[in-house]
Amino acid sequence: MLDIAIDDRGDYVVCRPVGELDAYTVPHFREALANLSSTPRLLIDLSEVPFMDSAGLGALIGGIRRTRESEGEVSVACSRPTLTRLLHTTGFDRIVPVKETFDEAVEVLLSPTPDDT
């Protein structure tokens, strides 16, 4: 079972899946990310995801791609060593900032980009 909490913090929106992201639960996650694709700043907090398979990773990448196509910014908070290792091993951290703490992910998300200066 997967629950997804959405929290609009004003400057950014948090998407926090709670539960495993696998082939059975990923349609719900994919739908949530699609609904958030026009969000200017999206933080995906994976701190409550104990397991993610390739279907979950694919949904995550697809959601990030859609948000970026809408000119949005994305960062990921991930404090779980097994998921962090997966994200680094697959090169995911080269396409989007992956930070260990929520606060670090917020800081990266709200930092001005070179285009903003």
N, C-alpha and C. Protein backbone atom coordinates (compact mmCIF):
# COMPACT_ATOMS: atom_id res chain seq x y z
N MET A 1 0.84 -1.18 0.00
CA MET A 1 0.00 0.00 0.00
C MET A 1 0.88 1.24 0.00
N LEU A 2 0.44 2.25 -0.72
CA LEU A 2 1.19 3.49 -0.85
C LEU A 2 0.27 4.66 -0.58
N ASP A 3 0.67 5.51 0.34
CA ASP A 3 -0.02 6.77 0.57
C ASP A 3 0.89 7.87 0.03
N ILE A 4 0.28 8.94 -0.46
CA ILE A 4 1.06 10.06 -0.96
C ILE A 4 0.53 11.33 -0.32
N ALA A 5 1.40 12.01 0.41
CA ALA A 5 1.04 13.28 1.03
C ALA A 5 1.55 14.41 0.15
N ILE A 6 0.69 15.36 -0.12
CA ILE A 6 1.05 16.55 -0.89
C ILE A 6 0.91 17.75 0.04
N ASP A 7 1.96 18.55 0.12
CA ASP A 7 1.97 19.68 1.04
C ASP A 7 2.47 20.92 0.30
N ASP A 8 1.58 21.88 0.09
CA ASP A 8 1.96 23.14 -0.56
C ASP A 8 2.53 24.07 0.50
N ARG A 9 3.83 24.35 0.41
CA ARG A 9 4.51 25.20 1.39
C ARG A 9 4.62 26.65 0.93
N GLY A 10 3.93 27.01 -0.11
CA GLY A 10 3.97 28.38 -0.62
C GLY A 10 5.04 28.55 -1.69
N ASP A 11 6.32 28.46 -1.29
CA ASP A 11 7.44 28.60 -2.24
C ASP A 11 7.68 27.32 -3.04
N TYR A 12 7.20 26.20 -2.52
CA TYR A 12 7.41 24.91 -3.16
C TYR A 12 6.34 23.93 -2.69
N VAL A 13 6.23 22.82 -3.41
CA VAL A 13 5.28 21.76 -3.05
C VAL A 13 6.07 20.51 -2.72
N VAL A 14 5.65 19.82 -1.66
CA VAL A 14 6.29 18.58 -1.25
C VAL A 14 5.39 17.41 -1.65
N CYS A 15 6.00 16.43 -2.30
CA CYS A 15 5.33 15.16 -2.61
C CYS A 15 6.05 14.10 -1.77
N ARG A 16 5.30 13.49 -0.83
CA ARG A 16 5.92 12.53 0.09
C ARG A 16 5.20 11.18 -0.01
N PRO A 17 5.74 10.27 -0.82
CA PRO A 17 5.17 8.92 -0.85
C PRO A 17 5.53 8.19 0.45
N VAL A 18 4.58 7.42 0.97
CA VAL A 18 4.78 6.67 2.20
C VAL A 18 4.42 5.22 1.90
N GLY A 19 5.46 4.38 1.81
CA GLY A 19 5.27 2.97 1.48
C GLY A 19 6.20 2.58 0.35
N GLU A 20 6.07 1.35 -0.09
CA GLU A 20 6.94 0.84 -1.15
C GLU A 20 6.52 1.36 -2.52
N LEU A 21 7.52 1.70 -3.33
CA LEU A 21 7.28 2.12 -4.71
C LEU A 21 7.69 0.95 -5.61
N ASP A 22 6.71 0.18 -6.02
CA ASP A 22 6.99 -0.98 -6.86
C ASP A 22 5.93 -1.07 -7.97
N ALA A 23 6.00 -2.14 -8.73
CA ALA A 23 5.10 -2.28 -9.87
C ALA A 23 3.62 -2.22 -9.48
N TYR A 24 3.29 -2.60 -8.26
CA TYR A 24 1.90 -2.59 -7.81
C TYR A 24 1.42 -1.21 -7.38
N THR A 25 2.30 -0.41 -6.81
CA THR A 25 1.90 0.89 -6.26
C THR A 25 2.24 2.07 -7.16
N VAL A 26 3.08 1.85 -8.15
CA VAL A 26 3.60 2.96 -8.95
C VAL A 26 2.54 3.73 -9.75
N PRO A 27 1.42 3.11 -10.17
CA PRO A 27 0.44 3.93 -10.90
C PRO A 27 -0.08 5.12 -10.07
N HIS A 28 -0.28 4.91 -8.79
CA HIS A 28 -0.74 5.98 -7.90
C HIS A 28 0.31 7.09 -7.80
N PHE A 29 1.58 6.70 -7.69
CA PHE A 29 2.69 7.66 -7.62
C PHE A 29 2.82 8.42 -8.94
N ARG A 30 2.73 7.71 -10.04
CA ARG A 30 2.83 8.33 -11.36
C ARG A 30 1.72 9.37 -11.55
N GLU A 31 0.52 9.04 -11.13
CA GLU A 31 -0.61 9.96 -11.23
C GLU A 31 -0.39 11.21 -10.37
N ALA A 32 0.11 11.02 -9.16
CA ALA A 32 0.38 12.16 -8.28
C ALA A 32 1.41 13.09 -8.90
N LEU A 33 2.49 12.52 -9.45
CA LEU A 33 3.51 13.36 -10.08
C LEU A 33 2.98 14.05 -11.32
N ALA A 34 2.12 13.38 -12.08
CA ALA A 34 1.53 14.01 -13.27
C ALA A 34 0.68 15.21 -12.87
N ASN A 35 -0.06 15.08 -11.76
CA ASN A 35 -0.89 16.18 -11.28
C ASN A 35 -0.05 17.36 -10.78
N LEU A 36 1.21 17.09 -10.43
CA LEU A 36 2.10 18.14 -9.93
C LEU A 36 3.06 18.67 -10.99
N SER A 37 2.91 18.22 -12.22
CA SER A 37 3.90 18.55 -13.26
C SER A 37 4.01 20.04 -13.57
N SER A 38 2.98 20.82 -13.27
CA SER A 38 3.06 22.25 -13.54
C SER A 38 3.54 23.04 -12.33
N THR A 39 3.97 22.35 -11.30
CA THR A 39 4.48 22.99 -10.08
C THR A 39 5.83 23.65 -10.37
N PRO A 40 6.00 24.94 -10.04
CA PRO A 40 7.28 25.60 -10.31
C PRO A 40 8.46 25.01 -9.53
N ARG A 41 8.21 24.58 -8.28
CA ARG A 41 9.27 23.98 -7.45
C ARG A 41 8.67 22.78 -6.73
N LEU A 42 9.23 21.60 -7.01
CA LEU A 42 8.72 20.36 -6.45
C LEU A 42 9.82 19.65 -5.68
N LEU A 43 9.53 19.31 -4.44
CA LEU A 43 10.46 18.52 -3.63
C LEU A 43 9.83 17.15 -3.41
N ILE A 44 10.53 16.12 -3.83
CA ILE A 44 10.06 14.75 -3.64
C ILE A 44 10.82 14.17 -2.47
N ASP A 45 10.10 13.88 -1.40
CA ASP A 45 10.70 13.38 -0.16
C ASP A 45 10.51 11.86 -0.08
N LEU A 46 11.61 11.13 -0.24
CA LEU A 46 11.57 9.67 -0.23
C LEU A 46 11.90 9.07 1.14
N SER A 47 11.86 9.88 2.19
CA SER A 47 12.28 9.41 3.51
C SER A 47 11.39 8.31 4.08
N GLU A 48 10.16 8.18 3.58
CA GLU A 48 9.24 7.15 4.07
C GLU A 48 9.03 6.03 3.05
N VAL A 49 10.00 5.89 2.13
CA VAL A 49 9.93 4.82 1.13
C VAL A 49 11.00 3.78 1.47
N PRO A 50 10.60 2.62 2.01
CA PRO A 50 11.58 1.62 2.39
C PRO A 50 12.14 0.81 1.21
N PHE A 51 11.42 0.81 0.08
CA PHE A 51 11.83 0.02 -1.07
C PHE A 51 11.33 0.67 -2.34
N MET A 52 12.19 0.66 -3.38
CA MET A 52 11.80 1.16 -4.70
C MET A 52 12.43 0.25 -5.74
N ASP A 53 11.60 -0.24 -6.68
CA ASP A 53 12.14 -1.06 -7.76
C ASP A 53 12.26 -0.22 -9.03
N SER A 54 12.55 -0.88 -10.14
CA SER A 54 12.76 -0.14 -11.39
C SER A 54 11.51 0.58 -11.85
N ALA A 55 10.33 0.05 -11.54
CA ALA A 55 9.08 0.73 -11.92
C ALA A 55 8.96 2.04 -11.15
N GLY A 56 9.32 2.03 -9.87
CA GLY A 56 9.29 3.25 -9.06
C GLY A 56 10.28 4.27 -9.57
N LEU A 57 11.48 3.80 -9.91
CA LEU A 57 12.51 4.69 -10.44
C LEU A 57 12.06 5.30 -11.77
N GLY A 58 11.44 4.49 -12.61
CA GLY A 58 10.94 4.99 -13.89
C GLY A 58 9.86 6.04 -13.72
N ALA A 59 8.96 5.83 -12.76
CA ALA A 59 7.91 6.82 -12.48
C ALA A 59 8.51 8.11 -11.95
N LEU A 60 9.52 7.98 -11.10
CA LEU A 60 10.20 9.15 -10.56
C LEU A 60 10.85 9.97 -11.66
N ILE A 61 11.57 9.29 -12.54
CA ILE A 61 12.24 9.97 -13.65
C ILE A 61 11.21 10.62 -14.58
N GLY A 62 10.14 9.91 -14.88
CA GLY A 62 9.09 10.46 -15.75
C GLY A 62 8.44 11.69 -15.15
N GLY A 63 8.18 11.66 -13.85
CA GLY A 63 7.58 12.80 -13.17
C GLY A 63 8.49 14.01 -13.19
N ILE A 64 9.77 13.77 -12.98
CA ILE A 64 10.75 14.86 -13.01
C ILE A 64 10.85 15.45 -14.42
N ARG A 65 10.85 14.59 -15.40
CA ARG A 65 10.92 15.05 -16.80
C ARG A 65 9.72 15.95 -17.13
N ARG A 66 8.52 15.52 -16.73
CA ARG A 66 7.32 16.32 -17.02
C ARG A 66 7.37 17.68 -16.30
N THR A 67 7.84 17.69 -15.06
CA THR A 67 7.94 18.95 -14.33
C THR A 67 8.94 19.87 -14.99
N ARG A 68 10.06 19.34 -15.41
CA ARG A 68 11.07 20.16 -16.09
C ARG A 68 10.58 20.66 -17.44
N GLU A 69 9.80 19.85 -18.14
CA GLU A 69 9.23 20.30 -19.42
C GLU A 69 8.30 21.49 -19.22
N SER A 70 7.75 21.61 -18.02
CA SER A 70 6.89 22.75 -17.68
C SER A 70 7.70 23.86 -17.01
N GLU A 71 9.03 23.81 -17.18
CA GLU A 71 9.95 24.82 -16.63
C GLU A 71 10.03 24.79 -15.11
N GLY A 72 9.69 23.65 -14.49
CA GLY A 72 9.76 23.53 -13.05
C GLY A 72 11.12 23.02 -12.57
N GLU A 73 11.39 23.25 -11.29
CA GLU A 73 12.61 22.76 -10.64
C GLU A 73 12.22 21.62 -9.71
N VAL A 74 13.12 20.65 -9.56
CA VAL A 74 12.87 19.49 -8.72
C VAL A 74 14.10 19.18 -7.88
N SER A 75 13.88 18.79 -6.63
CA SER A 75 14.94 18.21 -5.82
C SER A 75 14.35 17.03 -5.07
N VAL A 76 15.24 16.15 -4.61
CA VAL A 76 14.82 14.92 -3.92
C VAL A 76 15.53 14.85 -2.58
N ALA A 77 14.76 14.54 -1.54
CA ALA A 77 15.31 14.26 -0.22
C ALA A 77 15.25 12.75 -0.01
N CYS A 78 16.37 12.16 0.36
CA CYS A 78 16.41 10.70 0.54
C CYS A 78 17.42 10.37 1.64
N SER A 79 16.91 9.98 2.80
CA SER A 79 17.77 9.67 3.93
C SER A 79 18.02 8.17 4.09
N ARG A 80 17.45 7.36 3.23
CA ARG A 80 17.61 5.91 3.33
C ARG A 80 18.82 5.45 2.51
N PRO A 81 19.82 4.87 3.19
CA PRO A 81 21.06 4.48 2.48
C PRO A 81 20.84 3.56 1.29
N THR A 82 19.91 2.61 1.38
CA THR A 82 19.71 1.70 0.25
C THR A 82 19.14 2.43 -0.96
N LEU A 83 18.21 3.36 -0.73
CA LEU A 83 17.65 4.12 -1.85
C LEU A 83 18.67 5.11 -2.40
N THR A 84 19.42 5.74 -1.50
CA THR A 84 20.44 6.69 -1.94
C THR A 84 21.46 5.98 -2.82
N ARG A 85 21.85 4.77 -2.42
CA ARG A 85 22.80 3.99 -3.22
C ARG A 85 22.20 3.68 -4.59
N LEU A 86 20.93 3.31 -4.64
CA LEU A 86 20.25 3.05 -5.92
C LEU A 86 20.27 4.29 -6.80
N LEU A 87 19.95 5.44 -6.22
CA LEU A 87 19.91 6.68 -7.00
C LEU A 87 21.29 7.09 -7.51
N HIS A 88 22.32 6.83 -6.72
CA HIS A 88 23.69 7.14 -7.17
C HIS A 88 24.17 6.13 -8.21
N THR A 89 23.89 4.86 -7.98
CA THR A 89 24.34 3.80 -8.89
C THR A 89 23.73 3.95 -10.28
N THR A 90 22.47 4.34 -10.33
CA THR A 90 21.79 4.49 -11.63
C THR A 90 22.08 5.82 -12.31
N GLY A 91 22.79 6.72 -11.62
CA GLY A 91 23.09 8.03 -12.21
C GLY A 91 21.96 9.02 -12.06
N PHE A 92 20.93 8.65 -11.31
CA PHE A 92 19.79 9.53 -11.09
C PHE A 92 20.22 10.87 -10.51
N ASP A 93 21.22 10.82 -9.62
CA ASP A 93 21.67 12.06 -8.96
C ASP A 93 22.38 13.01 -9.92
N ARG A 94 22.62 12.58 -11.14
CA ARG A 94 23.20 13.49 -12.14
C ARG A 94 22.13 14.30 -12.86
N ILE A 95 20.86 13.86 -12.77
CA ILE A 95 19.80 14.60 -13.45
C ILE A 95 19.01 15.49 -12.50
N VAL A 96 19.09 15.21 -11.20
CA VAL A 96 18.34 16.00 -10.22
C VAL A 96 19.11 15.95 -8.89
N PRO A 97 19.14 17.06 -8.15
CA PRO A 97 19.83 17.04 -6.86
C PRO A 97 19.17 16.06 -5.88
N VAL A 98 19.99 15.19 -5.28
CA VAL A 98 19.53 14.26 -4.26
C VAL A 98 20.27 14.61 -2.98
N LYS A 99 19.52 15.00 -1.96
CA LYS A 99 20.11 15.43 -0.69
C LYS A 99 19.66 14.50 0.43
N GLU A 100 20.51 14.34 1.44
CA GLU A 100 20.21 13.41 2.53
C GLU A 100 19.11 13.93 3.45
N THR A 101 19.05 15.24 3.64
CA THR A 101 18.03 15.77 4.53
C THR A 101 17.01 16.61 3.76
N PHE A 102 15.86 16.73 4.36
CA PHE A 102 14.79 17.53 3.78
C PHE A 102 15.23 18.99 3.64
N ASP A 103 15.87 19.51 4.70
CA ASP A 103 16.30 20.91 4.68
C ASP A 103 17.32 21.19 3.58
N GLU A 104 18.24 20.24 3.34
CA GLU A 104 19.21 20.41 2.26
C GLU A 104 18.52 20.42 0.90
N ALA A 105 17.51 19.57 0.74
CA ALA A 105 16.77 19.52 -0.52
C ALA A 105 16.00 20.82 -0.75
N VAL A 106 15.44 21.38 0.33
CA VAL A 106 14.75 22.68 0.23
C VAL A 106 15.74 23.77 -0.17
N GLU A 107 16.91 23.77 0.45
CA GLU A 107 17.91 24.79 0.17
C GLU A 107 18.31 24.78 -1.30
N VAL A 108 18.56 23.59 -1.84
CA VAL A 108 18.93 23.46 -3.26
C VAL A 108 17.77 23.93 -4.15
N LEU A 109 16.56 23.56 -3.78
CA LEU A 109 15.39 23.90 -4.58
C LEU A 109 15.15 25.41 -4.64
N LEU A 110 15.40 26.08 -3.53
CA LEU A 110 15.14 27.51 -3.47
C LEU A 110 16.34 28.38 -3.85
N SER A 111 17.48 27.76 -4.10
CA SER A 111 18.66 28.51 -4.52
C SER A 111 18.45 29.07 -5.91
N PRO A 112 18.92 30.30 -6.14
CA PRO A 112 18.78 30.86 -7.48
C PRO A 112 19.61 30.06 -8.49
N THR A 113 19.04 29.84 -9.65
CA THR A 113 19.78 29.17 -10.72
C THR A 113 20.58 30.23 -11.48
N PRO A 114 21.57 29.84 -12.27
CA PRO A 114 22.34 30.83 -13.04
C PRO A 114 21.45 31.72 -13.91
N ASP A 115 20.31 31.20 -14.38
CA ASP A 115 19.41 31.99 -15.20
C ASP A 115 18.70 33.07 -14.40
N ASP A 116 18.62 32.91 -13.06
CA ASP A 116 17.92 33.87 -12.22
C ASP A 116 18.76 35.09 -11.90
N THR A 117 20.06 35.03 -12.13
CA THR A 117 20.94 36.13 -11.75
C THR A 117 21.07 37.16 -12.85
